[in-house]
Amino acid sequence: MKNRLFRLFFPYVLFCLAAAAITQMQDPARWLGSMPRILPYATWAAAAFLGWRFNRSRVVFAVVVLALAEWSLWQWAVGGALTAPGRRLIQAAVSLLLPLNLLGFGLARERGVFTLRGVGRTLIVVCQVAVVMLVLRTNGKGLIHYLEFPIFPWLLPWQPPVAQPALITFAFACVILAIRAVWRHNAVDTGLLWALLASFAGLCWPQTQYAASLFLVTAGWILLVAVIESSHAMAFRDELTGLPTRRALNETLLQLGSHYSIAMVDIDFFKKFNDRYGHDVGDQVLRKVAGILSGGGGGGKAFRYGGEEFTIVFPAMDAEEAVEYLENLRSTLAESPFMVRGRVRPARKPTAAKKPSKPNRKVNITVSMGVAERTDRMDTPQQVIKAADRALYRAKKAGRNRVVW
């Protein structure tokens, strides 16, 4: 739980705090104005390239929207290329469309960039730009009235420098993306949430005309880091169980000292269970076991080794001490009945009608464990894993549902 909360805030909150700190510097306009204009676009180009390379199309389109918003504000609203009503229209349009687009891409699925779905999303963005340009050519004073309409007049004295329709849109998008980020624990969803927050901060920041540009570039950096975090999770975290993968285990083994224990864990009769109840139910069993193993405490760290096998590493702990924690895990799992909610549909249609199974059925899930510690004769992690694997085999041969060392 703590790791999930940590990944929900860091490092994204640091980017927002850094941007806020820059705006508080002495004469920030001079410092920010001296930066080459190519830097924001280099940031967005890098984020878009990585998003495309790692099949994170939502990031690609979110970056395009951020770049368009920053360019519009810089060239027209700040640059003075338009009259006062035109600048108001650009400010109101960006404030309303930006959260809507980030919310839309946050809820969308990854469907690629150069695909039919990707072309459709590109057309949606292009149409928005075309509509805004058309309204600018026709002056658009009537539209400004609606974009800036005070829905709640009593809020005007405390309202930030964003029109109320846009403010409501930002709030709605923030709530939806926050729920999605907490529910899915996905780096891209979290990045889109913080990109939305950074964009809102830039549009509301009162002290400098460069604040909007700075915070929108910060949103680009947030999405860039989100792609990197997502790619790292793909390589080092198992998607099904949420546990670190075997590759992460190998990295951890390289960091161990001279005093540690390693346990190998295997789910008893998992193949028979899988064949009887189906792979969907088998996946639920894997998630249940992984959840119990990861919350066992004792300083052990659980990994998914492969299939129905797991590994638990106990740094600075001998086998005798580790057995105590492993016994607690084993008994906790054995005493926690698993509810099977009906049999899944078989791969082949049965030749004869069968009596349907009970919709709910309690079954017990047990595991066998083998543990070994580093010694003078077994001085490498690979040797300790092999010894733990032999102990696991003895546990299965002795009747399963036990810890052997």
Protein backbone atom coordinates (compact mmCIF):
# COMPACT_ATOMS: atom_id res chain seq x y z
CA MET A 1 0.00 0.00 0.00
CA LYS A 2 2.83 2.39 0.89
CA ASN A 3 4.60 1.68 -2.40
CA ARG A 4 1.41 2.39 -4.32
CA LEU A 5 0.94 5.73 -2.58
CA PHE A 6 4.59 6.57 -3.20
CA ARG A 7 4.27 5.84 -6.93
CA LEU A 8 1.08 7.92 -7.04
CA PHE A 9 2.95 11.09 -6.01
CA PHE A 10 6.63 10.65 -6.82
CA PRO A 11 8.45 11.87 -8.81
CA TYR A 12 5.61 13.87 -10.37
CA VAL A 13 4.98 16.13 -7.40
CA LEU A 14 8.68 17.11 -7.46
CA PHE A 15 8.34 18.43 -11.03
CA CYS A 16 5.37 20.59 -10.02
CA LEU A 17 7.19 21.91 -6.94
CA ALA A 18 10.26 22.70 -9.03
CA ALA A 19 8.17 24.65 -11.54
CA ALA A 20 6.48 26.56 -8.71
CA ALA A 21 9.88 27.34 -7.17
CA ILE A 22 11.19 28.73 -10.48
CA THR A 23 8.26 31.13 -10.71
CA GLN A 24 9.18 32.45 -7.26
CA MET A 25 12.75 33.27 -8.29
CA GLN A 26 13.86 36.89 -8.53
CA ASP A 27 12.91 38.16 -11.98
CA PRO A 28 11.70 34.80 -13.32
CA ALA A 29 10.53 36.36 -16.59
CA ARG A 30 14.09 37.35 -17.49
CA TRP A 31 15.44 33.89 -16.61
CA LEU A 32 12.70 32.00 -18.45
CA GLY A 33 12.68 34.39 -21.39
CA SER A 34 16.37 33.73 -22.00
CA MET A 35 15.74 30.00 -22.53
CA PRO A 36 15.68 28.87 -26.19
CA ARG A 37 12.19 28.27 -27.55
CA ILE A 38 13.36 24.93 -28.89
CA LEU A 39 13.56 23.42 -25.38
CA PRO A 40 9.79 22.97 -24.84
CA TYR A 41 9.40 21.32 -28.23
CA ALA A 42 12.41 19.09 -27.60
CA THR A 43 10.73 17.92 -24.41
CA TRP A 44 7.45 17.15 -26.13
CA ALA A 45 9.23 15.51 -29.08
CA ALA A 46 11.13 13.20 -26.72
CA ALA A 47 7.95 12.30 -24.82
CA ALA A 48 6.02 11.69 -28.06
CA PHE A 49 8.82 9.56 -29.52
CA LEU A 50 9.07 7.37 -26.42
CA GLY A 51 5.28 7.13 -26.26
CA TRP A 52 5.19 5.93 -29.87
CA ARG A 53 8.18 3.61 -29.41
CA PHE A 54 6.66 1.88 -26.37
CA ASN A 55 3.11 1.83 -27.77
CA ARG A 56 1.77 4.49 -25.41
CA SER A 57 -0.40 6.33 -27.90
CA ARG A 58 -2.34 8.11 -25.16
CA VAL A 59 0.86 9.89 -24.18
CA VAL A 60 1.58 10.84 -27.80
CA PHE A 61 -1.79 12.55 -28.25
CA ALA A 62 -1.66 14.17 -24.80
CA VAL A 63 1.75 15.66 -25.66
CA VAL A 64 0.40 16.99 -28.97
CA VAL A 65 -2.45 18.71 -27.12
CA LEU A 66 -0.04 20.21 -24.56
CA ALA A 67 2.22 21.51 -27.34
CA LEU A 68 -0.73 23.08 -29.17
CA ALA A 69 -1.97 24.70 -25.96
CA GLU A 70 1.45 26.17 -25.13
CA TRP A 71 2.03 27.40 -28.68
CA SER A 72 -1.42 29.04 -28.78
CA LEU A 73 -0.91 30.84 -25.48
CA TRP A 74 2.63 31.91 -26.34
CA GLN A 75 1.96 33.12 -29.88
CA TRP A 76 -1.45 34.70 -29.39
CA ALA A 77 -2.50 35.18 -25.78
CA VAL A 78 0.97 36.27 -24.57
CA GLY A 79 2.72 37.29 -27.77
CA GLY A 80 0.26 40.06 -28.53
CA ALA A 81 -0.59 38.89 -32.06
CA LEU A 82 -4.32 39.28 -31.36
CA THR A 83 -6.67 41.91 -30.02
CA ALA A 84 -7.88 41.72 -26.43
CA PRO A 85 -11.09 39.77 -27.32
CA GLY A 86 -9.02 37.33 -29.38
CA ARG A 87 -6.61 36.74 -26.52
CA ARG A 88 -9.54 36.15 -24.18
CA LEU A 89 -10.99 33.65 -26.62
CA ILE A 90 -7.71 31.72 -26.90
CA GLN A 91 -7.29 31.69 -23.12
CA ALA A 92 -10.85 30.46 -22.56
CA ALA A 93 -10.68 27.87 -25.37
CA VAL A 94 -7.38 26.41 -24.16
CA SER A 95 -8.62 26.32 -20.56
CA LEU A 96 -11.74 24.39 -21.60
CA LEU A 97 -10.38 22.07 -24.30
CA LEU A 98 -7.15 21.05 -22.56
CA PRO A 99 -8.78 19.20 -19.62
CA LEU A 100 -11.39 17.65 -21.93
CA ASN A 101 -8.67 16.24 -24.19
CA LEU A 102 -6.51 14.98 -21.33
CA LEU A 103 -9.57 13.31 -19.82
CA GLY A 104 -10.54 11.75 -23.15
CA PHE A 105 -7.07 10.36 -23.78
CA GLY A 106 -6.86 9.24 -20.16
CA LEU A 107 -10.00 7.12 -20.56
CA ALA A 108 -9.10 5.84 -24.03
CA ARG A 109 -7.37 2.55 -24.76
CA GLU A 110 -3.97 2.12 -26.34
CA ARG A 111 -4.81 1.75 -30.04
CA GLY A 112 -1.60 2.94 -31.66
CA VAL A 113 -0.73 6.16 -33.48
CA PHE A 114 -0.53 5.14 -37.13
CA THR A 115 -3.69 3.08 -37.06
CA LEU A 116 -7.30 3.74 -37.99
CA ARG A 117 -8.10 4.65 -34.38
CA GLY A 118 -5.00 6.82 -34.23
CA VAL A 119 -6.01 8.68 -37.38
CA GLY A 120 -9.46 9.23 -35.88
CA ARG A 121 -7.99 10.75 -32.74
CA THR A 122 -5.72 12.94 -34.83
CA LEU A 123 -8.73 14.23 -36.76
CA ILE A 124 -10.48 15.08 -33.49
CA VAL A 125 -7.55 17.27 -32.45
CA VAL A 126 -7.31 18.86 -35.90
CA CYS A 127 -11.03 19.65 -35.91
CA GLN A 128 -10.71 21.42 -32.56
CA VAL A 129 -7.89 23.58 -33.92
CA ALA A 130 -9.93 24.34 -37.04
CA VAL A 131 -12.99 25.36 -35.04
CA VAL A 132 -10.97 27.72 -32.83
CA MET A 133 -9.31 29.29 -35.89
CA LEU A 134 -12.70 29.73 -37.57
CA VAL A 135 -14.15 31.40 -34.49
CA LEU A 136 -11.14 33.73 -34.32
CA ARG A 137 -11.74 34.84 -37.91
CA THR A 138 -15.37 35.65 -37.11
CA ASN A 139 -14.41 37.60 -33.97
CA GLY A 140 -16.28 35.16 -31.70
CA LYS A 141 -17.55 37.68 -29.14
CA GLY A 142 -20.73 35.69 -28.60
CA LEU A 143 -18.77 32.52 -27.89
CA ILE A 144 -16.57 34.30 -25.35
CA HIS A 145 -19.70 35.10 -23.36
CA TYR A 146 -20.51 31.39 -23.02
CA LEU A 147 -16.91 30.32 -22.37
CA GLU A 148 -16.64 32.85 -19.54
CA PHE A 149 -20.21 32.56 -18.27
CA PRO A 150 -20.33 32.77 -14.41
CA ILE A 151 -22.29 29.63 -13.57
CA PHE A 152 -21.91 30.31 -9.84
CA PRO A 153 -21.77 34.11 -9.39
CA TRP A 154 -21.13 33.81 -5.65
CA LEU A 155 -17.74 32.20 -6.43
CA LEU A 156 -16.43 35.18 -8.41
CA PRO A 157 -14.60 36.86 -5.47
CA TRP A 158 -12.56 33.66 -4.84
CA GLN A 159 -12.34 32.40 -8.42
CA PRO A 160 -8.83 31.77 -9.89
CA PRO A 161 -7.99 33.35 -13.28
CA VAL A 162 -9.80 30.57 -15.15
CA ALA A 163 -13.42 30.90 -16.31
CA GLN A 164 -15.96 28.87 -14.38
CA PRO A 165 -16.89 26.46 -17.23
CA ALA A 166 -13.20 25.58 -17.59
CA LEU A 167 -12.79 25.40 -13.82
CA ILE A 168 -15.65 22.90 -13.57
CA THR A 169 -14.18 20.90 -16.46
CA PHE A 170 -10.78 20.78 -14.76
CA ALA A 171 -12.35 19.62 -11.50
CA PHE A 172 -14.40 16.91 -13.20
CA ALA A 173 -11.43 15.65 -15.22
CA CYS A 174 -9.21 15.66 -12.12
CA VAL A 175 -11.67 13.55 -10.12
CA ILE A 176 -12.11 10.98 -12.90
CA LEU A 177 -8.39 10.68 -13.64
CA ALA A 178 -7.57 10.46 -9.92
CA ILE A 179 -10.03 7.58 -9.46
CA ARG A 180 -8.57 5.83 -12.49
CA ALA A 181 -4.98 6.33 -11.29
CA VAL A 182 -5.74 4.95 -7.82
CA TRP A 183 -7.73 2.03 -9.21
CA ARG A 184 -5.37 0.94 -11.99
CA HIS A 185 -1.94 1.72 -10.43
CA ASN A 186 -0.65 2.54 -13.91
CA ALA A 187 2.21 4.98 -14.52
CA VAL A 188 0.61 6.48 -17.63
CA ASP A 189 -2.71 7.10 -15.83
CA THR A 190 -0.84 8.70 -12.96
CA GLY A 191 1.22 10.80 -15.37
CA LEU A 192 -1.89 12.07 -17.15
CA LEU A 193 -3.39 13.09 -13.80
CA TRP A 194 -0.31 15.09 -12.84
CA ALA A 195 -0.04 16.59 -16.33
CA LEU A 196 -3.59 17.85 -15.86
CA LEU A 197 -2.71 19.31 -12.44
CA ALA A 198 0.43 20.98 -13.82
CA SER A 199 -1.55 22.48 -16.71
CA PHE A 200 -4.16 23.85 -14.32
CA ALA A 201 -1.45 25.38 -12.14
CA GLY A 202 0.08 27.09 -15.17
CA LEU A 203 -3.21 28.58 -16.31
CA CYS A 204 -3.98 29.83 -12.80
CA TRP A 205 -0.53 31.09 -11.81
CA PRO A 206 -0.80 34.85 -11.39
CA GLN A 207 2.77 36.15 -11.12
CA THR A 208 4.39 35.83 -14.53
CA GLN A 209 3.33 35.52 -18.16
CA TYR A 210 5.80 32.65 -18.57
CA ALA A 211 4.15 30.49 -15.90
CA ALA A 212 1.70 28.83 -18.30
CA SER A 213 4.50 27.87 -20.67
CA LEU A 214 6.67 26.59 -17.81
CA PHE A 215 3.95 24.41 -16.31
CA LEU A 216 2.87 23.03 -19.68
CA VAL A 217 6.49 22.04 -20.37
CA THR A 218 6.52 20.50 -16.88
CA ALA A 219 3.48 18.47 -17.90
CA GLY A 220 5.51 17.23 -20.87
CA TRP A 221 8.34 16.15 -18.55
CA ILE A 222 5.81 14.37 -16.35
CA LEU A 223 4.50 12.38 -19.31
CA LEU A 224 8.05 11.61 -20.41
CA VAL A 225 8.84 10.15 -17.00
CA ALA A 226 5.50 8.31 -16.98
CA VAL A 227 6.46 6.48 -20.19
CA ILE A 228 9.82 5.51 -18.67
CA GLU A 229 8.12 4.33 -15.47
CA SER A 230 5.59 2.34 -17.47
CA SER A 231 8.32 0.68 -19.54
CA HIS A 232 10.26 -0.16 -16.38
CA ALA A 233 7.17 -1.73 -14.85
CA MET A 234 6.66 -3.85 -17.97
CA ALA A 235 10.16 -5.27 -17.58
CA PHE A 236 10.39 -5.58 -13.80
CA ARG A 237 6.83 -6.07 -12.56
CA ASP A 238 4.48 -8.97 -13.33
CA GLU A 239 1.24 -7.64 -14.81
CA LEU A 240 -0.95 -10.44 -13.42
CA THR A 241 0.19 -10.54 -9.79
CA GLY A 242 1.80 -7.14 -9.35
CA LEU A 243 4.94 -8.78 -7.95
CA PRO A 244 8.46 -8.05 -9.20
CA THR A 245 9.49 -10.38 -12.02
CA ARG A 246 12.38 -12.81 -12.33
CA ARG A 247 14.45 -10.07 -13.95
CA ALA A 248 13.91 -7.93 -10.85
CA LEU A 249 14.91 -10.95 -8.74
CA ASN A 250 18.19 -11.23 -10.61
CA GLU A 251 18.89 -7.54 -9.92
CA THR A 252 18.12 -8.05 -6.23
CA LEU A 253 20.41 -11.08 -6.00
CA LEU A 254 23.33 -8.97 -7.23
CA GLN A 255 22.86 -6.62 -4.26
CA LEU A 256 22.79 -9.25 -1.51
CA GLY A 257 25.54 -9.36 1.08
CA SER A 258 27.03 -12.41 2.76
CA HIS A 259 24.06 -13.19 5.03
CA TYR A 260 20.70 -14.04 3.51
CA SER A 261 18.10 -16.75 2.93
CA ILE A 262 16.00 -17.59 -0.10
CA ALA A 263 12.68 -19.47 -0.16
CA MET A 264 11.05 -21.15 -3.15
CA VAL A 265 7.25 -21.38 -3.02
CA ASP A 266 5.00 -23.54 -5.20
CA ILE A 267 1.18 -23.74 -5.24
CA ASP A 268 0.05 -27.30 -4.50
CA PHE A 269 -1.88 -29.11 -7.27
CA PHE A 270 -2.14 -25.90 -9.28
CA LYS A 271 -2.25 -27.70 -12.64
CA LYS A 272 -5.17 -29.86 -11.55
CA PHE A 273 -6.93 -26.80 -10.14
CA ASN A 274 -6.33 -24.94 -13.40
CA ASP A 275 -7.65 -27.81 -15.50
CA ARG A 276 -10.74 -28.20 -13.34
CA TYR A 277 -11.82 -24.59 -12.87
CA GLY A 278 -10.23 -22.84 -15.84
CA HIS A 279 -7.41 -20.38 -16.41
CA ASP A 280 -9.40 -17.34 -15.28
CA VAL A 281 -9.90 -18.85 -11.84
CA GLY A 282 -6.26 -19.96 -11.86
CA ASP A 283 -5.23 -16.35 -12.41
CA GLN A 284 -7.31 -15.33 -9.39
CA VAL A 285 -5.49 -17.94 -7.31
CA LEU A 286 -2.12 -16.57 -8.42
CA ARG A 287 -3.18 -13.05 -7.43
CA LYS A 288 -4.44 -14.24 -4.05
CA VAL A 289 -1.22 -16.10 -3.26
CA ALA A 290 0.88 -13.17 -4.46
CA GLY A 291 -1.06 -10.77 -2.24
CA ILE A 292 -0.46 -12.89 0.87
CA LEU A 293 3.22 -13.48 0.10
CA SER A 294 3.88 -9.78 -0.54
CA GLY A 295 2.30 -8.79 2.77
CA GLY A 296 4.06 -11.34 4.94
CA GLY A 297 6.50 -8.96 6.59
CA GLY A 298 9.67 -10.20 8.22
CA GLY A 299 11.83 -8.25 5.80
CA GLY A 300 11.19 -10.73 2.98
CA LYS A 301 10.55 -9.58 -0.57
CA ALA A 302 8.40 -11.74 -2.85
CA PHE A 303 8.96 -12.26 -6.58
CA ARG A 304 7.13 -14.23 -9.22
CA TYR A 305 9.64 -16.80 -10.40
CA GLY A 306 7.49 -18.26 -13.17
CA GLY A 307 4.24 -20.18 -13.57
CA GLU A 308 2.94 -21.07 -10.11
CA GLU A 309 6.35 -20.63 -8.48
CA PHE A 310 7.37 -17.70 -6.30
CA THR A 311 10.61 -16.67 -4.62
CA ILE A 312 11.03 -14.82 -1.33
CA VAL A 313 14.38 -13.23 -0.49
CA PHE A 314 15.26 -12.57 3.15
CA PRO A 315 18.31 -10.27 3.37
CA ALA A 316 20.36 -10.47 6.59
CA MET A 317 18.37 -13.45 7.88
CA ASP A 318 19.26 -17.12 8.29
CA ALA A 319 16.97 -19.99 7.30
CA GLU A 320 15.81 -20.74 10.84
CA GLU A 321 14.54 -17.19 11.28
CA ALA A 322 12.93 -17.16 7.84
CA VAL A 323 11.03 -20.39 8.56
CA GLU A 324 9.02 -18.62 11.27
CA TYR A 325 7.70 -16.05 8.79
CA LEU A 326 7.18 -18.66 6.10
CA GLU A 327 5.10 -20.79 8.46
CA ASN A 328 2.89 -17.79 9.16
CA LEU A 329 2.42 -17.22 5.44
CA ARG A 330 1.67 -20.89 4.80
CA SER A 331 -0.90 -21.13 7.61
CA THR A 332 -2.52 -17.82 6.65
CA LEU A 333 -3.01 -19.02 3.10
CA ALA A 334 -4.26 -22.47 4.15
CA GLU A 335 -6.80 -20.93 6.52
CA SER A 336 -8.11 -18.45 3.93
CA PRO A 337 -10.70 -20.28 1.81
CA PHE A 338 -10.88 -19.32 -1.82
CA MET A 339 -14.31 -18.75 -3.34
CA VAL A 340 -14.76 -20.25 -6.81
CA ARG A 341 -17.56 -18.35 -8.53
CA GLY A 342 -18.66 -20.96 -11.04
CA ARG A 343 -16.75 -22.77 -13.71
CA VAL A 344 -15.57 -20.79 -16.70
CA ARG A 345 -16.64 -21.75 -20.22
CA PRO A 346 -14.59 -24.72 -21.55
CA ALA A 347 -12.35 -24.32 -24.59
CA ARG A 348 -14.40 -26.92 -26.54
CA LYS A 349 -18.13 -27.35 -26.63
CA PRO A 350 -19.09 -30.48 -24.65
CA THR A 351 -20.73 -33.33 -26.56
CA ALA A 352 -23.37 -33.83 -23.89
CA ALA A 353 -25.08 -31.44 -21.52
CA LYS A 354 -23.57 -31.42 -18.07
CA LYS A 355 -25.09 -30.46 -14.82
CA PRO A 356 -23.90 -26.92 -14.06
CA SER A 357 -21.54 -26.55 -11.16
CA LYS A 358 -22.50 -24.64 -8.07
CA PRO A 359 -22.16 -20.90 -8.57
CA ASN A 360 -20.08 -20.50 -5.40
CA ARG A 361 -17.75 -23.07 -3.91
CA LYS A 362 -15.10 -22.75 -1.23
CA VAL A 363 -11.76 -24.45 -1.82
CA ASN A 364 -8.53 -24.39 0.14
CA ILE A 365 -5.31 -23.22 -1.47
CA THR A 366 -2.06 -24.51 0.02
CA VAL A 367 1.59 -24.01 -0.84
CA SER A 368 4.81 -25.93 -0.30
CA MET A 369 7.96 -24.05 0.62
CA GLY A 370 11.65 -24.81 0.58
CA VAL A 371 14.21 -22.48 2.14
CA ALA A 372 18.01 -22.35 2.21
CA GLU A 373 20.62 -19.91 3.47
CA ARG A 374 24.02 -18.82 2.24
CA THR A 375 26.89 -20.83 3.68
CA ASP A 376 30.57 -21.26 2.95
CA ARG A 377 29.73 -24.17 0.65
CA MET A 378 26.84 -22.33 -1.03
CA ASP A 379 28.25 -18.84 -1.45
CA THR A 380 26.35 -17.69 -4.56
CA PRO A 381 22.63 -16.84 -4.86
CA GLN A 382 22.23 -19.40 -7.66
CA GLN A 383 23.50 -22.17 -5.40
CA VAL A 384 21.18 -21.07 -2.59
CA ILE A 385 18.21 -21.06 -5.01
CA LYS A 386 19.06 -24.60 -6.12
CA ALA A 387 19.26 -25.71 -2.48
CA ALA A 388 15.89 -24.05 -1.76
CA ASP A 389 14.47 -25.80 -4.83
CA ARG A 390 15.66 -29.16 -3.52
CA ALA A 391 14.05 -28.38 -0.16
CA LEU A 392 10.82 -27.52 -2.00
CA TYR A 393 10.92 -30.91 -3.74
CA ARG A 394 11.28 -32.61 -0.35
CA ALA A 395 8.30 -30.63 0.96
CA LYS A 396 6.16 -31.87 -1.92
CA LYS A 397 7.37 -35.44 -1.51
CA ALA A 398 6.56 -35.31 2.22
CA GLY A 399 2.90 -34.45 1.56
CA ARG A 400 2.85 -30.77 0.52
CA ASN A 401 1.49 -27.81 2.55
CA ARG A 402 4.67 -27.52 4.63
CA VAL A 403 7.96 -25.65 4.95
CA VAL A 404 11.23 -27.59 4.64
CA TRP A 405 14.78 -26.37 5.07
